[in-house]
Amino acid sequence: MSTPRRKRTALTLAVLCAALALAACGSSDTTSSAPDYKAAVAKAPRALADLYADGDAVLDGGEEAYDAAIDGVEGHPVVVNNWASWCIPCRDEFPYFQSQAAKHLDRVAFLGVDSEDSKEAAETFLKDNPLPYPSIEAPDKGDLGDWAGTTLVGYPNTLYYDDEGELVYTHQGPYTSEDDLAADIEKYASGEG
């Protein structure tokens, strides 16, 4: 009787198919689907490449580090994203910044400011959500607003500087689509001064 053999073969095939399906669904990559930034950074002018040399590090130094970063890329527009690892809207818009940074790294300076967060929490978040640009630690509420000379309400916020280092626009709140972020980058960080 070949019926038990058929059942065993069918069961073996079912187990094999299930194992293959699980293997196909799994991934050895535990990070986000962040773009590969190396090619864009390689094409960046020296001032931008110097900024990106720190990668997605969380830097100490507060206002002094912030001013140095803005001054260090004079001649290039700057997009500053104010975020925190505990902020859900910040997390939601992070993939948009990852994607847009990859597209514009060779002409626009990107900088993060991590606010009201522990450095350890920010670094852990960035391991799973890498950026090509550094973030400056701002431990107290209102730090970035004070540094930039503007009033910020809640998180996230995005500040746009022209190529002369002048603040030209502040987007309060999260971006709800990558298209909206891309439009603001084109409008406020076009590099046309």
N, C-alpha and C. Protein backbone atom coordinates (compact mmCIF):
# COMPACT_ATOMS: atom_id res chain seq x y z
N MET A 1 0.85 -1.17 0.00
CA MET A 1 0.00 0.00 0.00
C MET A 1 0.89 1.23 0.00
N SER A 2 0.58 2.08 -0.92
CA SER A 2 1.40 3.28 -1.06
C SER A 2 0.75 4.49 -0.41
N THR A 3 -0.38 4.36 0.22
CA THR A 3 -1.06 5.50 0.83
C THR A 3 -0.24 6.12 1.96
N PRO A 4 0.31 5.35 2.93
CA PRO A 4 1.13 5.98 3.97
C PRO A 4 2.35 6.69 3.37
N ARG A 5 2.95 6.09 2.32
CA ARG A 5 4.11 6.72 1.69
C ARG A 5 3.69 8.06 1.07
N ARG A 6 2.56 8.11 0.42
CA ARG A 6 2.07 9.36 -0.18
C ARG A 6 1.82 10.42 0.89
N LYS A 7 1.23 9.98 2.00
CA LYS A 7 0.96 10.92 3.09
C LYS A 7 2.27 11.48 3.66
N ARG A 8 3.26 10.57 3.84
CA ARG A 8 4.56 11.01 4.33
C ARG A 8 5.22 11.98 3.35
N THR A 9 5.15 11.68 2.07
CA THR A 9 5.74 12.54 1.05
C THR A 9 5.02 13.89 1.03
N ALA A 10 3.71 13.87 1.12
CA ALA A 10 2.94 15.12 1.13
C ALA A 10 3.27 15.94 2.37
N LEU A 11 3.39 15.27 3.52
CA LEU A 11 3.74 15.97 4.75
C LEU A 11 5.15 16.55 4.67
N THR A 12 6.08 15.78 4.13
CA THR A 12 7.45 16.26 3.97
C THR A 12 7.48 17.48 3.05
N LEU A 13 6.75 17.42 1.95
CA LEU A 13 6.69 18.56 1.03
C LEU A 13 6.05 19.78 1.68
N ALA A 14 5.03 19.56 2.48
CA ALA A 14 4.37 20.68 3.16
C ALA A 14 5.33 21.35 4.15
N VAL A 15 6.06 20.54 4.91
CA VAL A 15 7.02 21.09 5.87
C VAL A 15 8.13 21.83 5.13
N LEU A 16 8.62 21.26 4.04
CA LEU A 16 9.66 21.90 3.25
C LEU A 16 9.18 23.23 2.67
N CYS A 17 7.97 23.26 2.14
CA CYS A 17 7.41 24.51 1.61
C CYS A 17 7.26 25.56 2.70
N ALA A 18 6.80 25.15 3.87
CA ALA A 18 6.64 26.09 4.98
C ALA A 18 8.00 26.65 5.40
N ALA A 19 9.01 25.78 5.45
CA ALA A 19 10.35 26.24 5.83
C ALA A 19 10.90 27.22 4.80
N LEU A 20 10.70 26.92 3.53
CA LEU A 20 11.16 27.83 2.47
C LEU A 20 10.42 29.16 2.54
N ALA A 21 9.14 29.12 2.80
CA ALA A 21 8.36 30.36 2.91
C ALA A 21 8.85 31.21 4.07
N LEU A 22 9.11 30.58 5.20
CA LEU A 22 9.63 31.33 6.35
C LEU A 22 11.01 31.90 6.07
N ALA A 23 11.84 31.15 5.39
CA ALA A 23 13.18 31.64 5.06
C ALA A 23 13.10 32.82 4.10
N ALA A 24 12.17 32.77 3.17
CA ALA A 24 12.01 33.87 2.22
C ALA A 24 11.49 35.12 2.90
N CYS A 25 10.67 34.96 3.94
CA CYS A 25 10.14 36.11 4.65
C CYS A 25 11.15 36.71 5.61
N GLY A 26 12.05 35.90 6.11
CA GLY A 26 13.05 36.39 7.04
C GLY A 26 14.10 37.21 6.33
N SER A 27 14.86 37.93 7.12
CA SER A 27 15.91 38.76 6.54
C SER A 27 17.04 38.87 7.53
N SER A 28 18.25 38.84 7.02
CA SER A 28 19.38 39.04 7.91
C SER A 28 19.60 40.50 8.22
N ASP A 29 18.91 41.39 7.51
CA ASP A 29 19.03 42.84 7.71
C ASP A 29 18.03 43.27 8.77
N THR A 30 18.52 43.67 9.92
CA THR A 30 17.63 44.07 11.00
C THR A 30 17.42 45.58 11.04
N THR A 31 18.02 46.30 10.11
CA THR A 31 17.86 47.75 10.07
C THR A 31 16.77 48.12 9.09
N SER A 32 16.47 49.41 9.04
CA SER A 32 15.47 49.90 8.11
C SER A 32 15.99 49.76 6.69
N SER A 33 15.13 50.03 5.75
CA SER A 33 15.53 49.96 4.35
C SER A 33 16.13 51.29 3.90
N ALA A 34 17.05 51.80 4.67
CA ALA A 34 17.71 53.07 4.35
C ALA A 34 18.53 52.92 3.08
N PRO A 35 18.56 53.97 2.27
CA PRO A 35 19.35 53.91 1.04
C PRO A 35 20.84 53.80 1.33
N ASP A 36 21.59 53.42 0.30
CA ASP A 36 23.05 53.41 0.40
C ASP A 36 23.52 54.82 0.09
N TYR A 37 24.13 55.46 1.07
CA TYR A 37 24.50 56.86 0.95
C TYR A 37 25.90 57.07 0.37
N LYS A 38 26.69 56.03 0.26
CA LYS A 38 28.10 56.18 -0.10
C LYS A 38 28.30 56.90 -1.43
N ALA A 39 27.52 56.56 -2.44
CA ALA A 39 27.70 57.18 -3.76
C ALA A 39 27.39 58.67 -3.71
N ALA A 40 26.32 59.04 -2.99
CA ALA A 40 25.96 60.46 -2.89
C ALA A 40 27.01 61.24 -2.11
N VAL A 41 27.51 60.68 -1.03
CA VAL A 41 28.53 61.36 -0.24
C VAL A 41 29.81 61.52 -1.06
N ALA A 42 30.13 60.52 -1.86
CA ALA A 42 31.35 60.58 -2.68
C ALA A 42 31.29 61.74 -3.69
N LYS A 43 30.09 62.11 -4.13
CA LYS A 43 29.93 63.20 -5.09
C LYS A 43 29.79 64.57 -4.43
N ALA A 44 29.70 64.59 -3.11
CA ALA A 44 29.45 65.85 -2.39
C ALA A 44 30.68 66.74 -2.39
N PRO A 45 30.47 68.07 -2.46
CA PRO A 45 31.58 69.01 -2.31
C PRO A 45 32.24 68.83 -0.94
N ARG A 46 33.45 69.30 -0.82
CA ARG A 46 34.26 69.07 0.39
C ARG A 46 33.54 69.47 1.68
N ALA A 47 32.93 70.65 1.71
CA ALA A 47 32.27 71.11 2.95
C ALA A 47 31.16 70.15 3.37
N LEU A 48 30.40 69.64 2.40
CA LEU A 48 29.34 68.70 2.72
C LEU A 48 29.92 67.35 3.11
N ALA A 49 30.93 66.89 2.38
CA ALA A 49 31.58 65.62 2.71
C ALA A 49 32.15 65.66 4.13
N ASP A 50 32.71 66.81 4.52
CA ASP A 50 33.24 66.95 5.88
C ASP A 50 32.12 66.82 6.92
N LEU A 51 30.96 67.42 6.64
CA LEU A 51 29.82 67.30 7.55
C LEU A 51 29.38 65.84 7.65
N TYR A 52 29.33 65.16 6.52
CA TYR A 52 28.86 63.78 6.49
C TYR A 52 29.89 62.78 6.99
N ALA A 53 31.11 63.23 7.24
CA ALA A 53 32.16 62.33 7.73
C ALA A 53 31.78 61.71 9.07
N ASP A 54 30.96 62.42 9.85
CA ASP A 54 30.52 61.89 11.14
C ASP A 54 29.35 60.93 10.99
N GLY A 55 28.86 60.75 9.77
CA GLY A 55 27.75 59.84 9.55
C GLY A 55 26.58 60.17 10.44
N ASP A 56 25.97 59.16 11.01
CA ASP A 56 24.79 59.39 11.84
C ASP A 56 25.13 59.46 13.33
N ALA A 57 26.28 60.01 13.64
CA ALA A 57 26.68 60.18 15.04
C ALA A 57 25.80 61.22 15.74
N VAL A 58 25.65 61.06 17.04
CA VAL A 58 24.99 62.07 17.87
C VAL A 58 26.11 62.84 18.56
N LEU A 59 26.25 64.10 18.18
CA LEU A 59 27.37 64.92 18.62
C LEU A 59 27.02 65.78 19.82
N ASP A 60 27.96 65.90 20.73
CA ASP A 60 27.85 66.84 21.85
C ASP A 60 28.22 68.23 21.32
N GLY A 61 28.05 69.22 22.16
CA GLY A 61 28.53 70.55 21.79
C GLY A 61 27.45 71.60 21.72
N GLY A 62 26.19 71.20 21.73
CA GLY A 62 25.09 72.15 21.79
C GLY A 62 25.14 73.23 20.73
N GLU A 63 24.85 74.45 21.19
CA GLU A 63 24.74 75.59 20.28
C GLU A 63 26.03 75.85 19.51
N GLU A 64 27.16 75.68 20.17
CA GLU A 64 28.45 75.90 19.51
C GLU A 64 28.63 74.92 18.34
N ALA A 65 28.29 73.66 18.55
CA ALA A 65 28.40 72.66 17.49
C ALA A 65 27.40 72.94 16.37
N TYR A 66 26.20 73.39 16.75
CA TYR A 66 25.17 73.72 15.76
C TYR A 66 25.64 74.87 14.88
N ASP A 67 26.10 75.95 15.50
CA ASP A 67 26.58 77.10 14.73
C ASP A 67 27.76 76.72 13.84
N ALA A 68 28.66 75.91 14.36
CA ALA A 68 29.82 75.48 13.57
C ALA A 68 29.39 74.66 12.36
N ALA A 69 28.39 73.81 12.55
CA ALA A 69 27.90 72.99 11.43
C ALA A 69 27.27 73.87 10.35
N ILE A 70 26.44 74.82 10.75
CA ILE A 70 25.79 75.73 9.79
C ILE A 70 26.85 76.57 9.09
N ASP A 71 27.77 77.14 9.85
CA ASP A 71 28.84 77.98 9.27
C ASP A 71 29.77 77.16 8.38
N GLY A 72 29.99 75.92 8.73
CA GLY A 72 30.92 75.07 7.99
C GLY A 72 30.47 74.68 6.60
N VAL A 73 29.19 74.86 6.33
CA VAL A 73 28.66 74.52 5.00
C VAL A 73 28.17 75.76 4.26
N GLU A 74 28.70 76.92 4.65
CA GLU A 74 28.30 78.16 3.97
C GLU A 74 28.49 77.99 2.47
N GLY A 75 27.53 78.52 1.72
CA GLY A 75 27.53 78.34 0.28
C GLY A 75 26.60 77.22 -0.16
N HIS A 76 26.05 76.50 0.83
CA HIS A 76 25.12 75.41 0.56
C HIS A 76 23.88 75.60 1.42
N PRO A 77 22.70 75.33 0.88
CA PRO A 77 21.50 75.37 1.72
C PRO A 77 21.55 74.24 2.75
N VAL A 78 20.82 74.45 3.85
CA VAL A 78 20.84 73.48 4.95
C VAL A 78 19.41 73.12 5.34
N VAL A 79 19.18 71.83 5.55
CA VAL A 79 17.91 71.32 6.07
C VAL A 79 18.22 70.71 7.44
N VAL A 80 17.57 71.25 8.48
CA VAL A 80 17.78 70.76 9.85
C VAL A 80 16.49 70.09 10.33
N ASN A 81 16.59 68.81 10.67
CA ASN A 81 15.44 68.09 11.19
C ASN A 81 15.59 67.93 12.69
N ASN A 82 14.61 68.45 13.44
CA ASN A 82 14.57 68.38 14.89
C ASN A 82 13.70 67.18 15.27
N TRP A 83 14.31 66.18 15.92
CA TRP A 83 13.63 64.92 16.20
C TRP A 83 13.98 64.41 17.59
N ALA A 84 13.30 63.34 17.98
CA ALA A 84 13.62 62.62 19.22
C ALA A 84 13.23 61.16 19.00
N SER A 85 13.98 60.26 19.59
CA SER A 85 13.71 58.83 19.38
C SER A 85 12.36 58.40 19.94
N TRP A 86 11.87 59.09 20.95
CA TRP A 86 10.60 58.73 21.59
C TRP A 86 9.39 59.35 20.88
N CYS A 87 9.62 60.21 19.92
CA CYS A 87 8.57 60.97 19.23
C CYS A 87 8.02 60.16 18.06
N ILE A 88 6.78 59.71 18.16
CA ILE A 88 6.18 58.87 17.11
C ILE A 88 6.10 59.61 15.77
N PRO A 89 5.63 60.87 15.70
CA PRO A 89 5.63 61.56 14.40
C PRO A 89 7.04 61.72 13.82
N CYS A 90 8.04 61.88 14.69
CA CYS A 90 9.43 61.95 14.22
C CYS A 90 9.83 60.63 13.56
N ARG A 91 9.47 59.54 14.21
CA ARG A 91 9.78 58.22 13.66
C ARG A 91 9.07 58.00 12.33
N ASP A 92 7.83 58.48 12.25
CA ASP A 92 7.04 58.29 11.03
C ASP A 92 7.66 59.01 9.83
N GLU A 93 8.25 60.18 10.05
CA GLU A 93 8.80 60.94 8.93
C GLU A 93 10.26 60.58 8.63
N PHE A 94 10.90 59.81 9.49
CA PHE A 94 12.32 59.49 9.31
C PHE A 94 12.64 58.88 7.95
N PRO A 95 11.84 57.93 7.44
CA PRO A 95 12.16 57.37 6.12
C PRO A 95 12.17 58.42 5.01
N TYR A 96 11.36 59.46 5.15
CA TYR A 96 11.35 60.53 4.14
C TYR A 96 12.69 61.26 4.14
N PHE A 97 13.24 61.51 5.32
CA PHE A 97 14.53 62.18 5.41
C PHE A 97 15.65 61.27 4.91
N GLN A 98 15.55 59.98 5.20
CA GLN A 98 16.56 59.05 4.68
C GLN A 98 16.58 59.09 3.15
N SER A 99 15.42 59.02 2.55
CA SER A 99 15.32 59.00 1.10
C SER A 99 15.73 60.33 0.46
N GLN A 100 15.23 61.43 1.00
CA GLN A 100 15.55 62.74 0.42
C GLN A 100 17.02 63.10 0.62
N ALA A 101 17.59 62.72 1.74
CA ALA A 101 19.02 62.98 1.95
C ALA A 101 19.83 62.26 0.88
N ALA A 102 19.49 61.02 0.60
CA ALA A 102 20.22 60.26 -0.42
C ALA A 102 20.15 60.95 -1.78
N LYS A 103 19.05 61.60 -2.07
CA LYS A 103 18.87 62.27 -3.37
C LYS A 103 19.57 63.61 -3.46
N HIS A 104 19.81 64.27 -2.32
CA HIS A 104 20.29 65.66 -2.35
C HIS A 104 21.62 65.89 -1.63
N LEU A 105 22.27 64.85 -1.15
CA LEU A 105 23.49 65.02 -0.36
C LEU A 105 24.60 65.78 -1.08
N ASP A 106 24.58 65.76 -2.39
CA ASP A 106 25.66 66.40 -3.13
C ASP A 106 25.45 67.90 -3.31
N ARG A 107 24.29 68.43 -2.85
CA ARG A 107 24.06 69.87 -3.01
C ARG A 107 23.41 70.54 -1.81
N VAL A 108 22.89 69.75 -0.89
CA VAL A 108 22.20 70.28 0.29
C VAL A 108 22.84 69.67 1.54
N ALA A 109 23.08 70.51 2.54
CA ALA A 109 23.57 70.02 3.83
C ALA A 109 22.38 69.59 4.68
N PHE A 110 22.44 68.39 5.21
CA PHE A 110 21.42 67.90 6.13
C PHE A 110 22.05 67.78 7.51
N LEU A 111 21.26 68.12 8.52
CA LEU A 111 21.73 68.07 9.90
C LEU A 111 20.54 67.70 10.78
N GLY A 112 20.76 66.85 11.76
CA GLY A 112 19.72 66.52 12.72
C GLY A 112 19.99 67.21 14.04
N VAL A 113 18.93 67.45 14.79
CA VAL A 113 19.05 67.91 16.17
C VAL A 113 18.14 66.99 16.99
N ASP A 114 18.76 66.21 17.87
CA ASP A 114 18.03 65.27 18.72
C ASP A 114 17.71 65.97 20.03
N SER A 115 16.41 66.17 20.30
CA SER A 115 15.98 66.98 21.44
C SER A 115 15.32 66.16 22.54
N GLU A 116 15.56 66.59 23.78
CA GLU A 116 14.93 66.00 24.96
C GLU A 116 15.01 64.48 24.96
N ASP A 117 16.18 63.97 24.67
CA ASP A 117 16.38 62.55 24.49
C ASP A 117 17.69 62.17 25.17
N SER A 118 17.84 60.94 25.55
CA SER A 118 19.16 60.51 26.02
C SER A 118 20.00 60.17 24.79
N LYS A 119 21.27 60.41 24.91
CA LYS A 119 22.17 60.11 23.80
C LYS A 119 22.12 58.62 23.46
N GLU A 120 22.02 57.78 24.47
CA GLU A 120 21.97 56.33 24.26
C GLU A 120 20.73 55.93 23.48
N ALA A 121 19.57 56.51 23.82
CA ALA A 121 18.34 56.19 23.10
C ALA A 121 18.43 56.64 21.65
N ALA A 122 19.00 57.82 21.43
CA ALA A 122 19.16 58.33 20.06
C ALA A 122 20.09 57.44 19.25
N GLU A 123 21.20 57.03 19.85
CA GLU A 123 22.15 56.18 19.14
C GLU A 123 21.55 54.82 18.81
N THR A 124 20.78 54.28 19.73
CA THR A 124 20.11 53.00 19.48
C THR A 124 19.12 53.14 18.33
N PHE A 125 18.35 54.22 18.33
CA PHE A 125 17.39 54.46 17.26
C PHE A 125 18.11 54.58 15.91
N LEU A 126 19.22 55.29 15.89
CA LEU A 126 19.96 55.50 14.64
C LEU A 126 20.63 54.23 14.12
N LYS A 127 20.90 53.27 14.99
CA LYS A 127 21.44 51.99 14.52
C LYS A 127 20.43 51.29 13.63
N ASP A 128 19.16 51.41 13.97
CA ASP A 128 18.10 50.79 13.17
C ASP A 128 17.59 51.70 12.07
N ASN A 129 17.89 52.98 12.14
CA ASN A 129 17.39 53.97 11.18
C ASN A 129 18.53 54.91 10.79
N PRO A 130 19.53 54.40 10.10
CA PRO A 130 20.74 55.19 9.84
C PRO A 130 20.50 56.39 8.94
N LEU A 131 21.29 57.40 9.19
CA LEU A 131 21.29 58.63 8.40
C LEU A 131 22.72 58.87 7.90
N PRO A 132 22.88 59.60 6.82
CA PRO A 132 24.23 59.91 6.36
C PRO A 132 24.80 61.15 7.03
N TYR A 133 24.01 61.80 7.85
CA TYR A 133 24.42 63.07 8.46
C TYR A 133 24.32 62.99 9.98
N PRO A 134 25.11 63.82 10.67
CA PRO A 134 25.10 63.78 12.13
C PRO A 134 23.90 64.52 12.72
N SER A 135 23.65 64.23 13.97
CA SER A 135 22.66 64.97 14.77
C SER A 135 23.38 65.56 15.97
N ILE A 136 22.97 66.74 16.35
CA ILE A 136 23.54 67.40 17.51
C ILE A 136 22.59 67.21 18.68
N GLU A 137 23.15 66.86 19.81
CA GLU A 137 22.35 66.62 21.00
C GLU A 137 21.87 67.95 21.59
N ALA A 138 20.56 68.05 21.81
CA ALA A 138 19.95 69.22 22.44
C ALA A 138 19.12 68.72 23.62
N PRO A 139 19.72 68.62 24.79
CA PRO A 139 19.06 67.95 25.90
C PRO A 139 17.82 68.65 26.45
N ASP A 140 17.72 69.96 26.28
CA ASP A 140 16.61 70.69 26.90
C ASP A 140 15.59 71.17 25.88
N LYS A 141 14.34 71.16 26.29
CA LYS A 141 13.26 71.67 25.44
C LYS A 141 13.56 73.13 25.09
N GLY A 142 13.40 73.45 23.85
CA GLY A 142 13.60 74.83 23.42
C GLY A 142 15.01 75.16 22.97
N ASP A 143 15.95 74.21 23.13
CA ASP A 143 17.33 74.49 22.74
C ASP A 143 17.43 74.94 21.28
N LEU A 144 16.89 74.15 20.36
CA LEU A 144 17.03 74.48 18.94
C LEU A 144 16.39 75.82 18.62
N GLY A 145 15.21 76.08 19.17
CA GLY A 145 14.57 77.37 18.94
C GLY A 145 15.46 78.52 19.39
N ASP A 146 16.08 78.36 20.55
CA ASP A 146 17.01 79.39 21.05
C ASP A 146 18.20 79.54 20.11
N TRP A 147 18.78 78.42 19.69
CA TRP A 147 19.95 78.47 18.82
C TRP A 147 19.63 79.14 17.49
N ALA A 148 18.44 78.84 16.95
CA ALA A 148 18.07 79.35 15.63
C ALA A 148 17.39 80.71 15.69
N GLY A 149 17.05 81.16 16.91
CA GLY A 149 16.38 82.46 17.05
C GLY A 149 14.95 82.43 16.56
N THR A 150 14.26 81.32 16.81
CA THR A 150 12.88 81.19 16.38
C THR A 150 12.10 80.43 17.46
N THR A 151 10.79 80.43 17.34
CA THR A 151 9.94 79.71 18.28
C THR A 151 9.50 78.40 17.64
N LEU A 152 9.74 77.31 18.33
CA LEU A 152 9.34 76.00 17.84
C LEU A 152 8.32 75.41 18.80
N VAL A 153 7.31 74.77 18.24
CA VAL A 153 6.25 74.17 19.04
C VAL A 153 6.24 72.68 18.78
N GLY A 154 6.48 71.89 19.81
CA GLY A 154 6.42 70.44 19.67
C GLY A 154 7.52 69.87 18.80
N TYR A 155 7.33 68.59 18.45
CA TYR A 155 8.28 67.86 17.60
C TYR A 155 7.49 67.08 16.57
N PRO A 156 8.06 66.85 15.44
CA PRO A 156 9.32 67.34 14.90
C PRO A 156 9.17 68.73 14.29
N ASN A 157 10.30 69.32 13.95
CA ASN A 157 10.35 70.59 13.22
C ASN A 157 11.46 70.47 12.20
N THR A 158 11.32 71.21 11.12
CA THR A 158 12.37 71.22 10.10
C THR A 158 12.66 72.66 9.74
N LEU A 159 13.93 73.03 9.85
CA LEU A 159 14.37 74.39 9.56
C LEU A 159 15.15 74.39 8.25
N TYR A 160 14.93 75.42 7.46
CA TYR A 160 15.61 75.56 6.17
C TYR A 160 16.44 76.84 6.18
N TYR A 161 17.72 76.69 5.88
CA TYR A 161 18.64 77.82 5.77
C TYR A 161 19.04 77.96 4.31
N ASP A 162 19.18 79.21 3.86
CA ASP A 162 19.67 79.41 2.50
C ASP A 162 21.18 79.22 2.45
N ASP A 163 21.75 79.42 1.28
CA ASP A 163 23.19 79.16 1.12
C ASP A 163 24.07 80.22 1.78
N GLU A 164 23.45 81.24 2.37
CA GLU A 164 24.20 82.25 3.13
C GLU A 164 24.02 82.06 4.64
N GLY A 165 23.33 81.00 5.04
CA GLY A 165 23.16 80.70 6.46
C GLY A 165 22.00 81.42 7.12
N GLU A 166 21.10 81.99 6.33
CA GLU A 166 19.93 82.69 6.89
C GLU A 166 18.74 81.73 6.96
N LEU A 167 18.07 81.71 8.10
CA LEU A 167 16.87 80.89 8.27
C LEU A 167 15.78 81.46 7.37
N VAL A 168 15.26 80.64 6.44
CA VAL A 168 14.26 81.12 5.49
C VAL A 168 12.88 80.50 5.70
N TYR A 169 12.81 79.36 6.39
CA TYR A 169 11.51 78.72 6.58
C TYR A 169 11.61 77.70 7.71
N THR A 170 10.54 77.60 8.48
CA THR A 170 10.42 76.59 9.51
C THR A 170 9.13 75.82 9.30
N HIS A 171 9.25 74.53 9.14
CA HIS A 171 8.08 73.65 9.02
C HIS A 171 7.81 73.10 10.41
N GLN A 172 6.67 73.48 10.99
CA GLN A 172 6.28 73.00 12.32
C GLN A 172 5.48 71.71 12.17
N GLY A 173 5.87 70.69 12.90
CA GLY A 173 5.14 69.44 12.86
C GLY A 173 5.74 68.46 11.86
N PRO A 174 5.14 67.27 11.79
CA PRO A 174 5.71 66.22 10.94
C PRO A 174 5.33 66.40 9.47
N TYR A 175 6.18 65.86 8.63
CA TYR A 175 5.82 65.70 7.22
C TYR A 175 4.98 64.43 7.13
N THR A 176 3.88 64.51 6.41
CA THR A 176 3.01 63.34 6.28
C THR A 176 3.20 62.61 4.96
N SER A 177 4.07 63.14 4.11
CA SER A 177 4.42 62.43 2.88
C SER A 177 5.82 62.86 2.44
N GLU A 178 6.48 61.97 1.73
CA GLU A 178 7.79 62.31 1.20
C GLU A 178 7.68 63.40 0.14
N ASP A 179 6.57 63.41 -0.61
CA ASP A 179 6.36 64.44 -1.62
C ASP A 179 6.34 65.84 -1.00
N ASP A 180 5.72 65.98 0.17
CA ASP A 180 5.69 67.28 0.84
C ASP A 180 7.09 67.73 1.26
N LEU A 181 7.87 66.80 1.80
CA LEU A 181 9.25 67.12 2.16
C LEU A 181 10.05 67.49 0.92
N ALA A 182 9.91 66.71 -0.14
CA ALA A 182 10.65 66.98 -1.38
C ALA A 182 10.30 68.36 -1.93
N ALA A 183 9.02 68.73 -1.86
CA ALA A 183 8.60 70.05 -2.35
C ALA A 183 9.23 71.17 -1.53
N ASP A 184 9.29 71.01 -0.21
CA ASP A 184 9.92 72.04 0.63
C ASP A 184 11.42 72.11 0.38
N ILE A 185 12.06 70.98 0.17
CA ILE A 185 13.49 71.01 -0.14
C ILE A 185 13.72 71.77 -1.44
N GLU A 186 12.91 71.50 -2.43
CA GLU A 186 13.07 72.21 -3.72
C GLU A 186 12.78 73.70 -3.56
N LYS A 187 11.80 74.03 -2.75
CA LYS A 187 11.41 75.44 -2.59
C LYS A 187 12.38 76.22 -1.73
N TYR A 188 12.83 75.64 -0.62
CA TYR A 188 13.60 76.39 0.37
C TYR A 188 15.09 76.02 0.41
N ALA A 189 15.47 74.93 -0.22
CA ALA A 189 16.87 74.52 -0.19
C ALA A 189 17.36 74.19 -1.60
N SER A 190 16.93 75.01 -2.54
CA SER A 190 17.27 74.75 -3.94
C SER A 190 18.72 75.07 -4.27
N GLY A 191 19.37 75.82 -3.41
CA GLY A 191 20.74 76.20 -3.68
C GLY A 191 20.86 77.45 -4.51
N GLU A 192 19.71 78.07 -4.79
CA GLU A 192 19.73 79.28 -5.61
C GLU A 192 19.82 80.53 -4.75
N GLY A 193 19.89 80.34 -3.43
CA GLY A 193 20.06 81.45 -2.50
C GLY A 193 18.83 82.23 -2.38
